[in-house]
């Protein structure tokens, strides 16, 4: 098989019913298969699939393994040249897959790519989870071409060029299966959130390139499983962000970076608290506590990452603080951030 499009589903019946017919209709390409892996959904997802989508292959799990382990378990059962991880709450556009596949076929040095991600609710806007390609600053804060923190840009074609990115979104990620398996796939311990950034950091540090192909366009609902205000989502994002820093940073900058991050994390907790989001503030503090508890389990992973790294510096990492530039210098767009970087 050339491409396996894999949707990891958990209680996403309404999204499967809404978007799967569109995906099937707009993916009439030879040697491409659509597969739904189900994380022990308790809604009517499986009933819908067995009754209305009988030709779609399914993989069933006995419990919810989360995004990371769920995908690892599913992809281990699939034999294809490319894996394409696709969220259930995405509507694909016309000709959405062909530009990515063509570019990957013509550029063997590219390990993974993503399309342009636009908002399903407002199609003129980029969408938070990926926009036109993901980047990160030196303290681990992610941002995108088209989205910095909560500021999302209108798509006026300003990011229609194909560019190298630091991370490609897990909402729609196309990756060579051989490389995915070679670098160890997603980290099961992350459960959900930031796991694709951790994977992409490993790819970058081992000399693999990742790109955004804006000619391919999909529309993302976003927050289909956990909304942006969820304290649990806050917890996972902060904890996993610290874990990916510990796993991947070179030794010379690790201690200094984590000390600075402690300051920014406590500042974030304070901001949540004074905004009336007490549970989110507690989530940040719990994330830091649990991160410290988990460090011994990540020592070997860190050693492995450092051992196999072929480069320590990455051009796609912002060498200044996106927090400072965004909140103090009022730089709210990607182009403003990278100016003079």
Protein backbone atom coordinates (compact mmCIF):
# COMPACT_ATOMS: atom_id res chain seq x y z
CA UNK A 1 0.00 0.00 0.00
CA UNK A 2 1.24 3.49 -0.82
CA UNK A 3 -0.67 5.57 1.76
CA UNK A 4 -2.62 4.52 4.84
CA UNK A 5 -4.90 7.31 6.07
CA UNK A 6 -5.48 6.49 9.72
CA UNK A 7 -8.13 8.16 11.86
CA UNK A 8 -7.76 7.53 15.57
CA UNK A 9 -11.28 7.78 16.96
CA UNK A 10 -12.56 8.19 20.49
CA UNK A 11 -16.25 8.98 20.83
CA UNK A 12 -16.18 10.87 17.55
CA UNK A 13 -19.37 9.46 16.06
CA UNK A 14 -20.68 12.88 14.97
CA UNK A 15 -17.41 13.74 13.24
CA UNK A 16 -17.18 10.39 11.46
CA UNK A 17 -20.74 10.76 10.25
CA UNK A 18 -20.08 14.31 9.05
CA UNK A 19 -16.58 14.10 7.59
CA UNK A 20 -15.89 10.49 6.59
CA UNK A 21 -18.14 10.61 3.49
CA UNK A 22 -16.27 13.74 2.32
CA UNK A 23 -12.91 12.08 2.94
CA UNK A 24 -13.95 9.01 0.96
CA UNK A 25 -15.30 11.11 -1.90
CA UNK A 26 -12.20 13.31 -2.14
CA UNK A 27 -9.63 10.53 -1.77
CA UNK A 28 -10.26 8.52 -4.91
CA UNK A 29 -6.61 7.66 -5.42
CA UNK A 30 -5.18 4.21 -6.25
CA UNK A 31 -3.27 2.38 -3.53
CA UNK A 32 -4.63 4.60 -0.75
CA UNK A 33 -6.64 3.09 2.11
CA UNK A 34 -8.68 4.73 4.87
CA UNK A 35 -8.55 3.04 8.28
CA UNK A 36 -10.32 3.94 11.51
CA UNK A 37 -8.64 2.84 14.74
CA UNK A 38 -11.02 3.07 17.69
CA UNK A 39 -9.86 3.81 21.24
CA UNK A 40 -12.72 1.90 22.92
CA UNK A 41 -15.41 4.47 22.14
CA UNK A 42 -18.55 4.34 24.24
CA UNK A 43 -20.75 6.25 21.78
CA UNK A 44 -22.20 4.89 18.54
CA UNK A 45 -18.98 5.13 16.53
CA UNK A 46 -18.60 1.42 15.83
CA UNK A 47 -22.29 0.95 15.07
CA UNK A 48 -22.03 3.77 12.54
CA UNK A 49 -18.94 2.28 10.92
CA UNK A 50 -20.35 -1.25 10.66
CA UNK A 51 -23.70 -0.08 9.29
CA UNK A 52 -22.82 2.91 7.11
CA UNK A 53 -19.14 2.48 6.19
CA UNK A 54 -18.74 -1.23 5.62
CA UNK A 55 -15.79 -0.82 3.26
CA UNK A 56 -13.70 1.07 5.83
CA UNK A 57 -11.19 -1.10 7.64
CA UNK A 58 -11.31 -0.81 11.43
CA UNK A 59 -8.86 -1.56 14.23
CA UNK A 60 -10.44 -1.96 17.67
CA UNK A 61 -8.73 -1.40 21.01
CA UNK A 62 -9.80 -2.66 24.42
CA UNK A 63 -9.35 0.73 26.11
CA UNK A 64 -8.50 4.36 25.41
CA UNK A 65 -4.73 4.39 24.85
CA UNK A 66 -4.66 8.10 24.08
CA UNK A 67 -3.34 9.72 20.92
CA UNK A 68 0.27 8.59 21.13
CA UNK A 69 -0.04 4.93 22.08
CA UNK A 70 -3.27 4.56 20.13
CA UNK A 71 -1.54 5.57 16.93
CA UNK A 72 1.55 3.50 17.70
CA UNK A 73 -0.59 0.40 18.19
CA UNK A 74 -2.61 1.07 15.06
CA UNK A 75 0.32 1.84 12.78
CA UNK A 76 2.17 -1.28 13.96
CA UNK A 77 -0.60 -3.28 12.26
CA UNK A 78 -0.40 -1.41 8.95
CA UNK A 79 1.96 -2.02 6.04
CA UNK A 80 2.27 1.10 3.88
CA UNK A 81 4.97 3.39 2.52
CA UNK A 82 3.39 6.44 4.10
CA UNK A 83 1.30 6.90 7.21
CA UNK A 84 -1.14 9.81 7.21
CA UNK A 85 -2.48 10.60 10.66
CA UNK A 86 -5.81 12.42 10.34
CA UNK A 87 -8.07 13.81 13.07
CA UNK A 88 -11.70 12.76 12.91
CA UNK A 89 -12.83 16.41 13.08
CA UNK A 90 -11.23 17.42 9.78
CA UNK A 91 -12.95 18.13 6.48
CA UNK A 92 -10.53 17.63 3.62
CA UNK A 93 -10.53 20.00 0.67
CA UNK A 94 -10.46 19.22 -3.03
CA UNK A 95 -7.19 17.70 -4.22
CA UNK A 96 -6.03 17.64 -0.59
CA UNK A 97 -3.73 14.62 -0.71
CA UNK A 98 -2.12 14.75 -4.15
CA UNK A 99 0.23 17.75 -3.60
CA UNK A 100 1.64 16.24 -0.40
CA UNK A 101 2.10 12.82 -1.97
CA UNK A 102 3.67 14.28 -5.12
CA UNK A 103 6.13 16.39 -3.11
CA UNK A 104 7.13 13.48 -0.89
CA UNK A 105 7.64 11.24 -3.92
CA UNK A 106 9.83 13.84 -5.64
CA UNK A 107 11.83 14.82 -2.55
CA UNK A 108 13.11 11.71 -0.83
CA UNK A 109 15.01 13.79 1.71
CA UNK A 110 11.72 14.98 3.26
CA UNK A 111 10.59 12.81 6.17
CA UNK A 112 7.17 14.31 6.86
CA UNK A 113 4.79 17.06 5.85
CA UNK A 114 1.48 18.71 6.66
CA UNK A 115 -1.09 20.65 4.62
CA UNK A 116 -2.41 24.12 5.31
CA UNK A 117 -4.83 23.85 8.25
CA UNK A 118 -7.77 26.27 8.12
CA UNK A 119 -10.71 26.81 10.44
CA UNK A 120 -13.84 24.80 9.73
CA UNK A 121 -15.99 27.46 11.40
CA UNK A 122 -14.38 30.41 9.62
CA UNK A 123 -12.75 29.29 6.38
CA UNK A 124 -10.89 32.54 5.85
CA UNK A 125 -8.90 31.95 9.03
CA UNK A 126 -6.04 29.62 9.84
CA UNK A 127 -6.72 27.04 12.53
CA UNK A 128 -4.91 26.86 15.85
CA UNK A 129 -3.55 23.31 15.56
CA UNK A 130 -0.92 23.63 12.85
CA UNK A 131 -1.97 26.54 10.60
CA UNK A 132 0.70 26.74 7.86
CA UNK A 133 3.45 24.89 9.71
CA UNK A 134 4.76 24.62 13.25
CA UNK A 135 7.75 26.26 14.95
CA UNK A 136 9.08 26.56 18.49
CA UNK A 137 11.12 29.04 20.51
CA UNK A 138 14.20 28.19 22.56
CA UNK A 139 12.09 27.78 25.71
CA UNK A 140 9.79 25.24 24.09
CA UNK A 141 6.76 27.41 23.35
CA UNK A 142 5.18 26.37 20.03
CA UNK A 143 3.67 28.68 17.43
CA UNK A 144 2.76 28.51 13.74
CA UNK A 145 2.80 30.41 10.51
CA UNK A 146 -0.66 31.89 10.89
CA UNK A 147 -1.11 31.44 14.66
CA UNK A 148 0.80 32.70 17.68
CA UNK A 149 -0.72 31.74 21.04
CA UNK A 150 -4.41 32.71 20.73
CA UNK A 151 -3.94 35.12 17.81
CA UNK A 152 -5.00 33.47 14.54
CA UNK A 153 -4.49 35.23 11.22
CA UNK A 154 -6.72 35.55 8.18
CA UNK A 155 -5.33 33.50 5.30
CA UNK A 156 -4.50 36.03 2.59
CA UNK A 157 -1.99 33.75 0.87
CA UNK A 158 0.87 35.17 2.94
CA UNK A 159 2.06 31.69 3.85
CA UNK A 160 1.51 29.85 0.55
CA UNK A 161 5.17 28.97 0.07
CA UNK A 162 6.53 25.52 0.85
CA UNK A 163 8.87 25.88 3.82
CA UNK A 164 10.83 23.75 6.23
CA UNK A 165 9.11 23.62 9.62
CA UNK A 166 10.15 22.52 13.09
CA UNK A 167 7.00 20.47 13.62
CA UNK A 168 4.09 19.25 11.54
CA UNK A 169 0.71 18.99 13.21
CA UNK A 170 -0.63 15.64 14.35
CA UNK A 171 -4.06 16.77 13.13
CA UNK A 172 -2.93 15.92 9.59
CA UNK A 173 0.57 14.47 9.46
CA UNK A 174 2.03 12.57 6.52
CA UNK A 175 5.23 10.68 7.33
CA UNK A 176 7.34 7.95 5.78
CA UNK A 177 6.58 4.78 7.70
CA UNK A 178 10.20 3.60 7.63
CA UNK A 179 11.38 6.79 9.33
CA UNK A 180 8.47 6.86 11.80
CA UNK A 181 9.42 3.40 13.00
CA UNK A 182 13.17 4.06 12.88
CA UNK A 183 12.96 6.99 15.32
CA UNK A 184 10.58 5.16 17.66
CA UNK A 185 7.21 6.64 16.71
CA UNK A 186 5.23 8.71 19.18
CA UNK A 187 6.08 8.64 22.89
CA UNK A 188 3.36 6.66 24.68
CA UNK A 189 4.04 8.45 27.97
CA UNK A 190 2.72 11.71 26.54
CA UNK A 191 -0.79 10.19 26.15
CA UNK A 192 -2.00 13.25 24.20
CA UNK A 193 -0.77 16.74 23.21
CA UNK A 194 2.78 17.72 22.20
CA UNK A 195 3.62 14.15 21.14
CA UNK A 196 3.95 15.15 17.49
CA UNK A 197 6.29 18.02 18.42
CA UNK A 198 8.44 15.56 20.36
CA UNK A 199 8.50 13.24 17.33
CA UNK A 200 9.36 16.10 14.98
CA UNK A 201 12.15 17.31 17.28
CA UNK A 202 13.70 13.85 17.04
CA UNK A 203 13.39 13.99 13.26
CA UNK A 204 15.04 17.42 13.13
CA UNK A 205 17.90 16.49 15.45
CA UNK A 206 18.64 13.40 13.34
CA UNK A 207 18.90 15.40 10.16
CA UNK A 208 15.47 14.78 8.64
CA UNK A 209 13.51 17.60 7.03
CA UNK A 210 9.82 18.43 7.51
CA UNK A 211 7.75 20.79 5.37
CA UNK A 212 4.33 22.39 5.02
CA UNK A 213 2.61 22.02 1.62
CA UNK A 214 0.06 24.87 1.52
CA UNK A 215 -1.38 23.73 -1.81
CA UNK A 216 -3.02 20.95 0.22
CA UNK A 217 -5.81 22.36 2.38
CA UNK A 218 -7.96 20.85 5.14
CA UNK A 219 -10.47 22.39 7.54
CA UNK A 220 -10.23 21.58 11.24
CA UNK A 221 -13.00 21.90 13.82
CA UNK A 222 -10.51 21.76 16.71
CA UNK A 223 -11.12 20.91 20.35
CA UNK A 224 -13.08 17.83 19.36
CA UNK A 225 -11.84 15.85 22.34
CA UNK A 226 -10.71 18.52 24.84
CA UNK A 227 -11.64 22.17 24.44
CA UNK A 228 -9.12 24.97 24.90
CA UNK A 229 -10.41 25.82 28.39
CA UNK A 230 -10.04 22.27 29.73
CA UNK A 231 -7.81 22.10 32.84
CA UNK A 232 -6.76 18.59 31.78
CA UNK A 233 -5.65 19.93 28.39
CA UNK A 234 -3.69 22.66 30.20
CA UNK A 235 -2.06 20.00 32.35
CA UNK A 236 -1.06 17.81 29.39
CA UNK A 237 0.29 20.72 27.39
CA UNK A 238 2.49 22.06 30.19
CA UNK A 239 3.68 18.66 31.43
CA UNK A 240 4.43 17.29 27.97
CA UNK A 241 6.12 20.49 26.85
CA UNK A 242 8.56 20.16 29.76
CA UNK A 243 9.11 16.50 28.94
CA UNK A 244 9.99 17.21 25.32
CA UNK A 245 12.48 19.86 26.45
CA UNK A 246 14.13 17.41 28.81
CA UNK A 247 14.23 14.68 26.18
CA UNK A 248 15.66 16.74 23.36
CA UNK A 249 17.65 19.75 24.53
CA UNK A 250 21.45 19.54 24.33
CA UNK A 251 23.16 19.33 27.71
CA UNK A 252 24.78 22.75 27.39
CA UNK A 253 21.40 24.52 27.43
CA UNK A 254 19.19 22.11 29.42
CA UNK A 255 19.58 23.47 32.97
CA UNK A 256 19.46 27.12 31.92
CA UNK A 257 16.35 26.57 29.80
CA UNK A 258 14.46 24.65 32.48
CA UNK A 259 15.23 27.36 35.05
CA UNK A 260 13.80 30.02 32.75
CA UNK A 261 10.79 27.85 32.04
CA UNK A 262 10.06 27.57 35.76
CA UNK A 263 9.66 31.35 35.87
CA UNK A 264 7.37 31.45 32.82
CA UNK A 265 5.25 28.54 34.08
CA UNK A 266 4.63 30.16 37.45
CA UNK A 267 3.77 33.38 35.63
CA UNK A 268 1.26 31.44 33.51
CA UNK A 269 -0.28 29.89 36.64
CA UNK A 270 -0.61 33.35 38.18
CA UNK A 271 -2.26 34.66 35.02
CA UNK A 272 -4.77 31.81 35.07
CA UNK A 273 -5.49 32.50 38.74
CA UNK A 274 -6.16 36.23 38.40
CA UNK A 275 -8.32 35.48 35.34
CA UNK A 276 -10.58 33.31 37.48
CA UNK A 277 -9.35 30.04 35.96
CA UNK A 278 -8.31 28.48 39.24
CA UNK A 279 -8.40 24.88 38.01
CA UNK A 280 -6.15 25.73 35.05
CA UNK A 281 -3.71 27.41 37.45
CA UNK A 282 -3.66 24.24 39.55
CA UNK A 283 -3.08 22.22 36.37
CA UNK A 284 0.10 24.15 35.60
CA UNK A 285 1.45 23.51 39.09
CA UNK A 286 0.50 19.83 38.93
CA UNK A 287 2.18 19.56 35.53
CA UNK A 288 5.45 20.82 37.00
CA UNK A 289 5.19 18.46 39.98
CA UNK A 290 4.47 15.43 37.80
CA UNK A 291 7.22 16.40 35.35
CA UNK A 292 9.78 16.19 38.15
CA UNK A 293 8.40 12.84 39.27
CA UNK A 294 8.64 11.46 35.71
CA UNK A 295 12.23 12.51 35.05
CA UNK A 296 13.84 9.18 36.08
CA UNK A 297 11.70 7.36 33.50
CA UNK A 298 12.97 9.64 30.76
CA UNK A 299 16.70 9.45 31.40
CA UNK A 300 17.25 6.63 28.90
CA UNK A 301 15.10 8.33 26.27
CA UNK A 302 17.17 11.48 26.66
CA UNK A 303 20.43 9.55 26.35
CA UNK A 304 19.17 7.87 23.18
CA UNK A 305 18.09 11.16 21.62
CA UNK A 306 21.43 12.81 22.35
CA UNK A 307 23.30 9.75 21.06
CA UNK A 308 21.53 9.70 17.69
CA UNK A 309 21.41 13.47 17.17
CA UNK A 310 23.43 14.64 14.19
CA UNK A 311 22.87 18.33 14.92
CA UNK A 312 22.05 20.36 18.00
CA UNK A 313 21.00 23.67 16.43
CA UNK A 314 17.95 23.98 14.22
CA UNK A 315 17.21 26.91 11.91
CA UNK A 316 13.49 26.45 12.53
CA UNK A 317 13.84 27.13 16.28
CA UNK A 318 13.30 30.76 17.30
CA UNK A 319 16.36 31.95 19.21
CA UNK A 320 14.37 34.37 21.37
CA UNK A 321 11.30 34.21 23.60
CA UNK A 322 7.97 34.16 21.79
CA UNK A 323 6.33 34.99 25.14
CA UNK A 324 8.30 38.22 25.51
CA UNK A 325 7.80 39.22 21.87
CA UNK A 326 4.09 38.43 21.92
CA UNK A 327 3.01 39.88 25.25
CA UNK A 328 5.51 42.72 25.76
CA UNK A 329 6.55 43.73 22.24
CA UNK A 330 3.09 43.05 20.73
CA UNK A 331 4.41 40.90 17.89
CA UNK A 332 1.32 38.85 17.13
CA UNK A 333 2.11 37.29 13.75
CA UNK A 334 4.71 34.82 12.52
CA UNK A 335 6.25 37.38 10.14
CA UNK A 336 6.62 39.90 12.97
CA UNK A 337 8.26 37.29 15.20
CA UNK A 338 10.88 36.11 12.73
CA UNK A 339 11.86 39.63 11.62
CA UNK A 340 15.50 40.11 12.62
CA UNK A 341 15.61 36.68 14.29
